[in-house]
């Protein structure tokens, strides 16, 4: 398995600064957040090639079919506008030959669940069609139940598989985030029996201290990331371990990009020991 760092982990730096720091720290890949990309895609791709970085999971500017309830990430309210934006992003991000492009439902908000599921079904059909034409894999992400009201109403691997099955989207993979699935009872069997459905993997931990906000580096918290990575290795999965850290301003996000990349690389490298 290769190692990458997702750009949300260093939110205050530029794409170019991320590329240089991540490569210097020893990462083989980068998880791109589209909002950090400069407009010149050819120059961006040349920079990645210059520094020997592949691309792990890409997160579109609008990553969810329904509006997120996360400060700074809400975006337009109209689902049709959001779906079109996701499709435009898929076509753009496919140029970077990523392992996968992320997509999630968003929370219910004021919608009845049956209506939300209908909208999501339609959105996934459109996004999957765009990914198929662009020859890139779409990764549908289930989110932990504690984030149901802010990020997604699909809160288990079983439900995520059911959503894709209902839409007839066998070619859409699941994006597994160890922070979200570590206590899902289905995760171990899913990894063992259906690792081919895994489009990408984000890694981070729940903090040991319940008063600590944000996420902990993988392997340093309490959420069994090391065991999950071992299970992935046994299953033969060989994609990127993409470190993704959301943090409070005084936490991991307060580090300069070089130190953040160094600490993240040391943490993810230890998972393979």
C-alpha atoms as a PDB file:
ATOM      1  CA  UNK A   1       0.000   0.000   0.000  1.00  0.00           C
ATOM      2  CA  UNK A   2       1.169   3.490  -0.856  1.00  0.00           C
ATOM      3  CA  UNK A   3       0.945   6.552   1.387  1.00  0.00           C
ATOM      4  CA  UNK A   4      -0.666   9.876   0.637  1.00  0.00           C
ATOM      5  CA  UNK A   5      -1.795  12.967   2.492  1.00  0.00           C
ATOM      6  CA  UNK A   6      -5.148  14.644   1.874  1.00  0.00           C
ATOM      7  CA  UNK A   7      -4.932  18.399   1.411  1.00  0.00           C
ATOM      8  CA  UNK A   8      -7.633  19.178   3.969  1.00  0.00           C
ATOM      9  CA  UNK A   9      -4.986  18.183   6.531  1.00  0.00           C
ATOM     10  CA  UNK A  10      -3.063  21.379   5.682  1.00  0.00           C
ATOM     11  CA  UNK A  11      -5.901  23.790   4.876  1.00  0.00           C
ATOM     12  CA  UNK A  12      -3.966  27.067   5.000  1.00  0.00           C
ATOM     13  CA  UNK A  13      -1.343  26.306   2.355  1.00  0.00           C
ATOM     14  CA  UNK A  14      -1.400  26.366  -1.431  1.00  0.00           C
ATOM     15  CA  UNK A  15      -1.465  23.386  -3.758  1.00  0.00           C
ATOM     16  CA  UNK A  16       2.160  24.019  -4.736  1.00  0.00           C
ATOM     17  CA  UNK A  17       3.255  24.208  -1.091  1.00  0.00           C
ATOM     18  CA  UNK A  18       1.406  20.954  -0.381  1.00  0.00           C
ATOM     19  CA  UNK A  19       3.033  19.132  -3.293  1.00  0.00           C
ATOM     20  CA  UNK A  20       6.550  20.159  -2.288  1.00  0.00           C
ATOM     21  CA  UNK A  21       6.060  19.416   1.434  1.00  0.00           C
ATOM     22  CA  UNK A  22       4.314  16.083   0.919  1.00  0.00           C
ATOM     23  CA  UNK A  23       6.956  14.822  -1.510  1.00  0.00           C
ATOM     24  CA  UNK A  24       9.763  15.993   0.766  1.00  0.00           C
ATOM     25  CA  UNK A  25       8.200  14.135   3.710  1.00  0.00           C
ATOM     26  CA  UNK A  26       8.254  10.910   1.707  1.00  0.00           C
ATOM     27  CA  UNK A  27       4.653  10.580   0.556  1.00  0.00           C
ATOM     28  CA  UNK A  28       4.014   8.816  -2.737  1.00  0.00           C
ATOM     29  CA  UNK A  29       0.694  10.520  -3.328  1.00  0.00           C
ATOM     30  CA  UNK A  30      -1.573  13.456  -2.574  1.00  0.00           C
ATOM     31  CA  UNK A  31      -5.295  13.565  -1.893  1.00  0.00           C
ATOM     32  CA  UNK A  32      -6.503  16.576  -3.872  1.00  0.00           C
ATOM     33  CA  UNK A  33      -9.216  18.936  -2.651  1.00  0.00           C
ATOM     34  CA  UNK A  34     -10.422  20.732  -5.749  1.00  0.00           C
ATOM     35  CA  UNK A  35     -10.915  24.083  -4.042  1.00  0.00           C
ATOM     36  CA  UNK A  36      -7.124  24.258  -3.554  1.00  0.00           C
ATOM     37  CA  UNK A  37      -6.295  23.626  -7.216  1.00  0.00           C
ATOM     38  CA  UNK A  38      -5.063  26.542  -9.359  1.00  0.00           C
ATOM     39  CA  UNK A  39      -6.931  26.916 -12.645  1.00  0.00           C
ATOM     40  CA  UNK A  40      -4.099  25.656 -14.881  1.00  0.00           C
ATOM     41  CA  UNK A  41      -4.544  21.886 -14.766  1.00  0.00           C
ATOM     42  CA  UNK A  42      -1.669  21.190 -17.159  1.00  0.00           C
ATOM     43  CA  UNK A  43       0.729  23.088 -14.905  1.00  0.00           C
ATOM     44  CA  UNK A  44      -0.658  21.332 -11.816  1.00  0.00           C
ATOM     45  CA  UNK A  45      -0.165  17.914 -13.376  1.00  0.00           C
ATOM     46  CA  UNK A  46       3.360  18.843 -14.462  1.00  0.00           C
ATOM     47  CA  UNK A  47       4.152  19.865 -10.871  1.00  0.00           C
ATOM     48  CA  UNK A  48       2.931  16.503  -9.582  1.00  0.00           C
ATOM     49  CA  UNK A  49       5.056  14.673 -12.130  1.00  0.00           C
ATOM     50  CA  UNK A  50       8.087  16.784 -11.254  1.00  0.00           C
ATOM     51  CA  UNK A  51       7.797  15.746  -7.604  1.00  0.00           C
ATOM     52  CA  UNK A  52       6.832  12.136  -8.268  1.00  0.00           C
ATOM     53  CA  UNK A  53       3.400  12.261  -6.622  1.00  0.00           C
ATOM     54  CA  UNK A  54       0.474  10.157  -7.721  1.00  0.00           C
ATOM     55  CA  UNK A  55      -3.091  11.161  -6.875  1.00  0.00           C
ATOM     56  CA  UNK A  56      -5.151   9.302  -4.303  1.00  0.00           C
ATOM     57  CA  UNK A  57      -8.691  10.483  -3.498  1.00  0.00           C
ATOM     58  CA  UNK A  58      -9.973  13.692  -5.060  1.00  0.00           C
ATOM     59  CA  UNK A  59     -12.676  15.680  -3.267  1.00  0.00           C
ATOM     60  CA  UNK A  60     -14.770  17.929  -5.547  1.00  0.00           C
ATOM     61  CA  UNK A  61     -15.511  21.527  -4.640  1.00  0.00           C
ATOM     62  CA  UNK A  62     -19.112  20.386  -4.038  1.00  0.00           C
ATOM     63  CA  UNK A  63     -18.697  16.828  -2.722  1.00  0.00           C
ATOM     64  CA  UNK A  64     -22.249  16.029  -1.582  1.00  0.00           C
ATOM     65  CA  UNK A  65     -25.574  15.738  -3.361  1.00  0.00           C
ATOM     66  CA  UNK A  66     -27.430  17.490  -0.526  1.00  0.00           C
ATOM     67  CA  UNK A  67     -25.963  20.555   1.243  1.00  0.00           C
ATOM     68  CA  UNK A  68     -23.429  19.879   3.979  1.00  0.00           C
ATOM     69  CA  UNK A  69     -24.008  21.479   7.366  1.00  0.00           C
ATOM     70  CA  UNK A  70     -20.288  22.156   7.795  1.00  0.00           C
ATOM     71  CA  UNK A  71     -19.100  25.783   8.098  1.00  0.00           C
ATOM     72  CA  UNK A  72     -17.522  26.927   4.865  1.00  0.00           C
ATOM     73  CA  UNK A  73     -18.617  23.827   2.933  1.00  0.00           C
ATOM     74  CA  UNK A  74     -22.369  24.311   2.511  1.00  0.00           C
ATOM     75  CA  UNK A  75     -22.467  25.476  -1.105  1.00  0.00           C
ATOM     76  CA  UNK A  76     -25.628  25.877  -3.213  1.00  0.00           C
ATOM     77  CA  UNK A  77     -28.937  24.560  -1.871  1.00  0.00           C
ATOM     78  CA  UNK A  78     -30.425  23.254  -5.122  1.00  0.00           C
ATOM     79  CA  UNK A  79     -29.607  19.527  -5.539  1.00  0.00           C
ATOM     80  CA  UNK A  80     -29.726  19.789  -9.338  1.00  0.00           C
ATOM     81  CA  UNK A  81     -27.088  22.538  -9.239  1.00  0.00           C
ATOM     82  CA  UNK A  82     -24.978  20.456  -6.876  1.00  0.00           C
ATOM     83  CA  UNK A  83     -25.237  17.348  -9.056  1.00  0.00           C
ATOM     84  CA  UNK A  84     -24.180  19.311 -12.129  1.00  0.00           C
ATOM     85  CA  UNK A  85     -21.226  20.748 -10.186  1.00  0.00           C
ATOM     86  CA  UNK A  86     -20.160  17.242  -9.112  1.00  0.00           C
ATOM     87  CA  UNK A  87     -20.263  16.061 -12.728  1.00  0.00           C
ATOM     88  CA  UNK A  88     -18.191  19.050 -13.889  1.00  0.00           C
ATOM     89  CA  UNK A  89     -15.662  18.302 -11.142  1.00  0.00           C
ATOM     90  CA  UNK A  90     -15.486  14.635 -12.119  1.00  0.00           C
ATOM     91  CA  UNK A  91     -14.628  15.585 -15.683  1.00  0.00           C
ATOM     92  CA  UNK A  92     -11.943  17.993 -14.488  1.00  0.00           C
ATOM     93  CA  UNK A  93     -10.409  15.807 -11.787  1.00  0.00           C
ATOM     94  CA  UNK A  94     -10.240  12.768 -14.084  1.00  0.00           C
ATOM     95  CA  UNK A  95      -7.302  14.504 -15.801  1.00  0.00           C
ATOM     96  CA  UNK A  96      -5.255  13.854 -12.653  1.00  0.00           C
ATOM     97  CA  UNK A  97      -5.759  10.065 -12.929  1.00  0.00           C
ATOM     98  CA  UNK A  98      -6.854   9.736  -9.292  1.00  0.00           C
ATOM     99  CA  UNK A  99      -7.523   6.489  -7.510  1.00  0.00           C
ATOM    100  CA  UNK A 100     -11.085   7.708  -6.909  1.00  0.00           C
ATOM    101  CA  UNK A 101     -13.303  10.774  -6.748  1.00  0.00           C
ATOM    102  CA  UNK A 102     -15.314  11.118  -3.537  1.00  0.00           C
ATOM    103  CA  UNK A 103     -19.053  11.623  -3.278  1.00  0.00           C
ATOM    104  CA  UNK A 104     -21.422  11.532  -0.285  1.00  0.00           C
ATOM    105  CA  UNK A 105     -25.095  12.171   0.317  1.00  0.00           C
ATOM    106  CA  UNK A 106     -25.112  15.172   2.630  1.00  0.00           C
ATOM    107  CA  UNK A 107     -27.542  15.335   5.591  1.00  0.00           C
ATOM    108  CA  UNK A 108     -31.329  15.167   5.379  1.00  0.00           C
ATOM    109  CA  UNK A 109     -31.861  18.743   6.492  1.00  0.00           C
ATOM    110  CA  UNK A 110     -35.608  19.411   6.295  1.00  0.00           C
ATOM    111  CA  UNK A 111     -36.273  16.688   3.716  1.00  0.00           C
ATOM    112  CA  UNK A 112     -38.228  13.497   4.439  1.00  0.00           C
ATOM    113  CA  UNK A 113     -35.837  10.567   4.144  1.00  0.00           C
ATOM    114  CA  UNK A 114     -37.655   8.952   1.210  1.00  0.00           C
ATOM    115  CA  UNK A 115     -37.380  12.199  -0.759  1.00  0.00           C
ATOM    116  CA  UNK A 116     -33.698  12.576   0.145  1.00  0.00           C
ATOM    117  CA  UNK A 117     -33.012   9.035  -1.004  1.00  0.00           C
ATOM    118  CA  UNK A 118     -34.763   9.682  -4.318  1.00  0.00           C
ATOM    119  CA  UNK A 119     -32.609  12.780  -4.905  1.00  0.00           C
ATOM    120  CA  UNK A 120     -29.446  10.895  -3.960  1.00  0.00           C
ATOM    121  CA  UNK A 121     -30.340   8.012  -6.269  1.00  0.00           C
ATOM    122  CA  UNK A 122     -30.743  10.456  -9.162  1.00  0.00           C
ATOM    123  CA  UNK A 123     -27.530  12.270  -8.249  1.00  0.00           C
ATOM    124  CA  UNK A 124     -25.503   9.084  -8.081  1.00  0.00           C
ATOM    125  CA  UNK A 125     -26.792   7.963 -11.470  1.00  0.00           C
ATOM    126  CA  UNK A 126     -25.635  11.240 -13.028  1.00  0.00           C
ATOM    127  CA  UNK A 127     -22.279  11.241 -11.220  1.00  0.00           C
ATOM    128  CA  UNK A 128     -21.605   7.601 -12.104  1.00  0.00           C
ATOM    129  CA  UNK A 129     -22.373   8.278 -15.759  1.00  0.00           C
ATOM    130  CA  UNK A 130     -19.927  11.190 -15.761  1.00  0.00           C
ATOM    131  CA  UNK A 131     -17.268   9.029 -14.101  1.00  0.00           C
ATOM    132  CA  UNK A 132     -17.828   6.251 -16.621  1.00  0.00           C
ATOM    133  CA  UNK A 133     -17.318   8.605 -19.563  1.00  0.00           C
ATOM    134  CA  UNK A 134     -14.243  10.149 -17.911  1.00  0.00           C
ATOM    135  CA  UNK A 135     -12.829   6.681 -17.122  1.00  0.00           C
ATOM    136  CA  UNK A 136     -12.399   7.370 -13.424  1.00  0.00           C
ATOM    137  CA  UNK A 137     -13.797   5.588 -10.373  1.00  0.00           C
ATOM    138  CA  UNK A 138     -16.432   7.162  -8.167  1.00  0.00           C
ATOM    139  CA  UNK A 139     -16.188   6.427  -4.430  1.00  0.00           C
ATOM    140  CA  UNK A 140     -19.394   6.676  -2.368  1.00  0.00           C
ATOM    141  CA  UNK A 141     -18.670   7.385   1.304  1.00  0.00           C
ATOM    142  CA  UNK A 142     -20.667   6.231   4.333  1.00  0.00           C
ATOM    143  CA  UNK A 143     -20.236   8.523   7.334  1.00  0.00           C
ATOM    144  CA  UNK A 144     -20.278   7.779  11.059  1.00  0.00           C
ATOM    145  CA  UNK A 145     -23.659   8.188  12.743  1.00  0.00           C
ATOM    146  CA  UNK A 146     -22.393  11.065  14.902  1.00  0.00           C
ATOM    147  CA  UNK A 147     -22.093  13.119  11.695  1.00  0.00           C
ATOM    148  CA  UNK A 148     -25.534  12.181  10.352  1.00  0.00           C
ATOM    149  CA  UNK A 149     -26.884  15.721  10.736  1.00  0.00           C
ATOM    150  CA  UNK A 150     -23.880  17.461   9.208  1.00  0.00           C
ATOM    151  CA  UNK A 151     -22.378  15.204   6.526  1.00  0.00           C
ATOM    152  CA  UNK A 152     -24.473  12.195   5.466  1.00  0.00           C
ATOM    153  CA  UNK A 153     -27.571  10.211   6.355  1.00  0.00           C
ATOM    154  CA  UNK A 154     -25.923   7.014   5.052  1.00  0.00           C
ATOM    155  CA  UNK A 155     -24.201   5.809   8.190  1.00  0.00           C
ATOM    156  CA  UNK A 156     -23.158   2.223   7.577  1.00  0.00           C
ATOM    157  CA  UNK A 157     -21.421   0.092   4.998  1.00  0.00           C
ATOM    158  CA  UNK A 158     -24.583  -2.003   4.682  1.00  0.00           C
ATOM    159  CA  UNK A 159     -26.708   1.040   3.845  1.00  0.00           C
ATOM    160  CA  UNK A 160     -24.118   2.401   1.407  1.00  0.00           C
ATOM    161  CA  UNK A 161     -24.049  -0.911  -0.470  1.00  0.00           C
ATOM    162  CA  UNK A 162     -27.863  -0.956  -0.486  1.00  0.00           C
ATOM    163  CA  UNK A 163     -28.025   2.567  -1.946  1.00  0.00           C
ATOM    164  CA  UNK A 164     -25.668   1.599  -4.771  1.00  0.00           C
ATOM    165  CA  UNK A 165     -27.486  -1.678  -5.351  1.00  0.00           C
ATOM    166  CA  UNK A 166     -30.860   0.054  -5.628  1.00  0.00           C
ATOM    167  CA  UNK A 167     -29.391   2.420  -8.219  1.00  0.00           C
ATOM    168  CA  UNK A 168     -27.820  -0.499 -10.107  1.00  0.00           C
ATOM    169  CA  UNK A 169     -24.357   0.992  -9.712  1.00  0.00           C
ATOM    170  CA  UNK A 170     -22.103  -2.019  -9.330  1.00  0.00           C
ATOM    171  CA  UNK A 171     -19.212  -0.059 -10.841  1.00  0.00           C
ATOM    172  CA  UNK A 172     -19.273   2.585  -8.092  1.00  0.00           C
ATOM    173  CA  UNK A 173     -16.978   1.732  -5.195  1.00  0.00           C
ATOM    174  CA  UNK A 174     -17.131   2.523  -1.513  1.00  0.00           C
ATOM    175  CA  UNK A 175     -14.810   5.068   0.002  1.00  0.00           C
ATOM    176  CA  UNK A 176     -13.806   3.778   3.436  1.00  0.00           C
ATOM    177  CA  UNK A 177     -12.685   6.285   6.047  1.00  0.00           C
ATOM    178  CA  UNK A 178     -11.335   4.527   9.126  1.00  0.00           C
ATOM    179  CA  UNK A 179     -12.657   7.388  11.270  1.00  0.00           C
ATOM    180  CA  UNK A 180     -16.181   6.653  10.045  1.00  0.00           C
ATOM    181  CA  UNK A 181     -16.246   2.843   9.778  1.00  0.00           C
ATOM    182  CA  UNK A 182     -13.987   1.606  12.570  1.00  0.00           C
ATOM    183  CA  UNK A 183     -16.918   0.516  14.777  1.00  0.00           C
ATOM    184  CA  UNK A 184     -19.190  -0.658  11.941  1.00  0.00           C
ATOM    185  CA  UNK A 185     -19.797  -4.387  12.582  1.00  0.00           C
ATOM    186  CA  UNK A 186     -19.783  -5.060   8.829  1.00  0.00           C
ATOM    187  CA  UNK A 187     -16.363  -3.557   8.112  1.00  0.00           C
ATOM    188  CA  UNK A 188     -14.264  -6.675   8.776  1.00  0.00           C
ATOM    189  CA  UNK A 189     -16.348  -8.969   6.586  1.00  0.00           C
ATOM    190  CA  UNK A 190     -16.589  -6.307   3.879  1.00  0.00           C
ATOM    191  CA  UNK A 191     -12.813  -5.949   3.733  1.00  0.00           C
ATOM    192  CA  UNK A 192     -12.321  -9.727   3.700  1.00  0.00           C
ATOM    193  CA  UNK A 193     -14.980 -10.555   1.121  1.00  0.00           C
ATOM    194  CA  UNK A 194     -15.437  -7.453  -1.006  1.00  0.00           C
ATOM    195  CA  UNK A 195     -12.190  -5.479  -1.045  1.00  0.00           C
ATOM    196  CA  UNK A 196     -12.670  -5.106  -4.821  1.00  0.00           C
ATOM    197  CA  UNK A 197     -15.523  -2.690  -3.988  1.00  0.00           C
ATOM    198  CA  UNK A 198     -13.176  -0.379  -2.064  1.00  0.00           C
ATOM    199  CA  UNK A 199     -12.464   2.658  -4.217  1.00  0.00           C
ATOM    200  CA  UNK A 200     -10.199   4.399  -1.703  1.00  0.00           C
ATOM    201  CA  UNK A 201      -9.242   4.592   1.958  1.00  0.00           C
ATOM    202  CA  UNK A 202      -8.908   7.615   4.225  1.00  0.00           C
ATOM    203  CA  UNK A 203      -7.064   6.988   7.482  1.00  0.00           C
ATOM    204  CA  UNK A 204      -7.273   8.826  10.801  1.00  0.00           C
ATOM    205  CA  UNK A 205      -8.217   7.983  14.394  1.00  0.00           C
ATOM    206  CA  UNK A 206     -10.665   9.042  17.020  1.00  0.00           C
ATOM    207  CA  UNK A 207      -8.730  10.897  19.755  1.00  0.00           C
ATOM    208  CA  UNK A 208      -8.086   8.982  22.965  1.00  0.00           C
ATOM    209  CA  UNK A 209      -9.069  12.112  24.886  1.00  0.00           C
ATOM    210  CA  UNK A 210     -12.831  12.622  24.353  1.00  0.00           C
ATOM    211  CA  UNK A 211     -12.383  16.361  24.989  1.00  0.00           C
ATOM    212  CA  UNK A 212     -10.031  16.719  22.029  1.00  0.00           C
ATOM    213  CA  UNK A 213     -11.747  18.071  18.939  1.00  0.00           C
ATOM    214  CA  UNK A 214     -11.062  16.919  15.414  1.00  0.00           C
ATOM    215  CA  UNK A 215      -9.213  13.759  14.469  1.00  0.00           C
ATOM    216  CA  UNK A 216      -6.017  12.091  15.601  1.00  0.00           C
ATOM    217  CA  UNK A 217      -3.254  10.862  13.330  1.00  0.00           C
ATOM    218  CA  UNK A 218      -3.791   7.240  12.239  1.00  0.00           C
ATOM    219  CA  UNK A 219      -2.600   4.694  14.771  1.00  0.00           C
ATOM    220  CA  UNK A 220      -2.318   7.236  17.590  1.00  0.00           C
ATOM    221  CA  UNK A 221      -5.946   7.214  18.744  1.00  0.00           C
ATOM    222  CA  UNK A 222      -8.505   4.650  19.803  1.00  0.00           C
ATOM    223  CA  UNK A 223     -10.235   3.598  16.608  1.00  0.00           C
ATOM    224  CA  UNK A 224      -8.377   0.432  15.483  1.00  0.00           C
ATOM    225  CA  UNK A 225      -6.883   1.880  12.305  1.00  0.00           C
ATOM    226  CA  UNK A 226      -3.849  -0.384  12.567  1.00  0.00           C
ATOM    227  CA  UNK A 227      -6.076  -3.471  12.668  1.00  0.00           C
ATOM    228  CA  UNK A 228      -8.108  -2.220   9.718  1.00  0.00           C
ATOM    229  CA  UNK A 229      -4.951  -1.606   7.675  1.00  0.00           C
ATOM    230  CA  UNK A 230      -3.719  -5.110   8.538  1.00  0.00           C
ATOM    231  CA  UNK A 231      -7.064  -6.502   7.332  1.00  0.00           C
ATOM    232  CA  UNK A 232      -6.770  -4.527   4.097  1.00  0.00           C
ATOM    233  CA  UNK A 233      -3.283  -5.945   3.538  1.00  0.00           C
ATOM    234  CA  UNK A 234      -4.533  -9.495   4.116  1.00  0.00           C
ATOM    235  CA  UNK A 235      -7.338  -8.924   1.627  1.00  0.00           C
ATOM    236  CA  UNK A 236      -4.833  -7.934  -1.053  1.00  0.00           C
ATOM    237  CA  UNK A 237      -6.007  -4.345  -1.300  1.00  0.00           C
ATOM    238  CA  UNK A 238      -3.065  -2.248  -2.512  1.00  0.00           C
ATOM    239  CA  UNK A 239      -4.280   1.329  -2.935  1.00  0.00           C
ATOM    240  CA  UNK A 240      -3.323   4.512  -1.128  1.00  0.00           C
ATOM    241  CA  UNK A 241      -3.633   5.033   2.608  1.00  0.00           C
ATOM    242  CA  UNK A 242      -4.718   8.660   2.369  1.00  0.00           C
ATOM    243  CA  UNK A 243      -4.246  10.474   5.683  1.00  0.00           C
ATOM    244  CA  UNK A 244      -7.131  12.900   6.222  1.00  0.00           C
ATOM    245  CA  UNK A 245      -7.085  15.101   9.331  1.00  0.00           C
ATOM    246  CA  UNK A 246      -9.841  17.518  10.292  1.00  0.00           C
ATOM    247  CA  UNK A 247      -8.702  19.583  13.252  1.00  0.00           C
ATOM    248  CA  UNK A 248      -9.456  22.457  15.544  1.00  0.00           C
ATOM    249  CA  UNK A 249      -7.429  25.600  14.706  1.00  0.00           C
ATOM    250  CA  UNK A 250      -5.118  25.090  17.687  1.00  0.00           C
ATOM    251  CA  UNK A 251      -4.607  21.388  16.916  1.00  0.00           C
ATOM    252  CA  UNK A 252      -2.998  19.662  13.924  1.00  0.00           C
ATOM    253  CA  UNK A 253      -4.110  22.503  11.653  1.00  0.00           C
ATOM    254  CA  UNK A 254      -1.842  24.888  13.572  1.00  0.00           C
ATOM    255  CA  UNK A 255       1.305  23.091  12.353  1.00  0.00           C
ATOM    256  CA  UNK A 256       3.292  24.421   9.429  1.00  0.00           C
ATOM    257  CA  UNK A 257       2.968  22.290   6.316  1.00  0.00           C
ATOM    258  CA  UNK A 258       6.409  20.682   6.571  1.00  0.00           C
ATOM    259  CA  UNK A 259       5.872  19.567  10.177  1.00  0.00           C
ATOM    260  CA  UNK A 260       2.332  18.403   9.475  1.00  0.00           C
ATOM    261  CA  UNK A 261       3.513  16.320   6.523  1.00  0.00           C
ATOM    262  CA  UNK A 262       6.397  14.884   8.548  1.00  0.00           C
ATOM    263  CA  UNK A 263       4.148  13.839  11.432  1.00  0.00           C
ATOM    264  CA  UNK A 264       1.492  12.422   9.111  1.00  0.00           C
ATOM    265  CA  UNK A 265       4.061  10.383   7.169  1.00  0.00           C
ATOM    266  CA  UNK A 266       5.595   8.962  10.348  1.00  0.00           C
ATOM    267  CA  UNK A 267       2.146   7.940  11.589  1.00  0.00           C
ATOM    268  CA  UNK A 268       0.994   6.243   8.388  1.00  0.00           C
ATOM    269  CA  UNK A 269       4.387   4.556   7.859  1.00  0.00           C
ATOM    270  CA  UNK A 270       4.096   2.978  11.317  1.00  0.00           C
ATOM    271  CA  UNK A 271       0.813   1.323  10.298  1.00  0.00           C
ATOM    272  CA  UNK A 272       2.716  -1.024   8.017  1.00  0.00           C
ATOM    273  CA  UNK A 273       5.242  -2.058  10.690  1.00  0.00           C
END
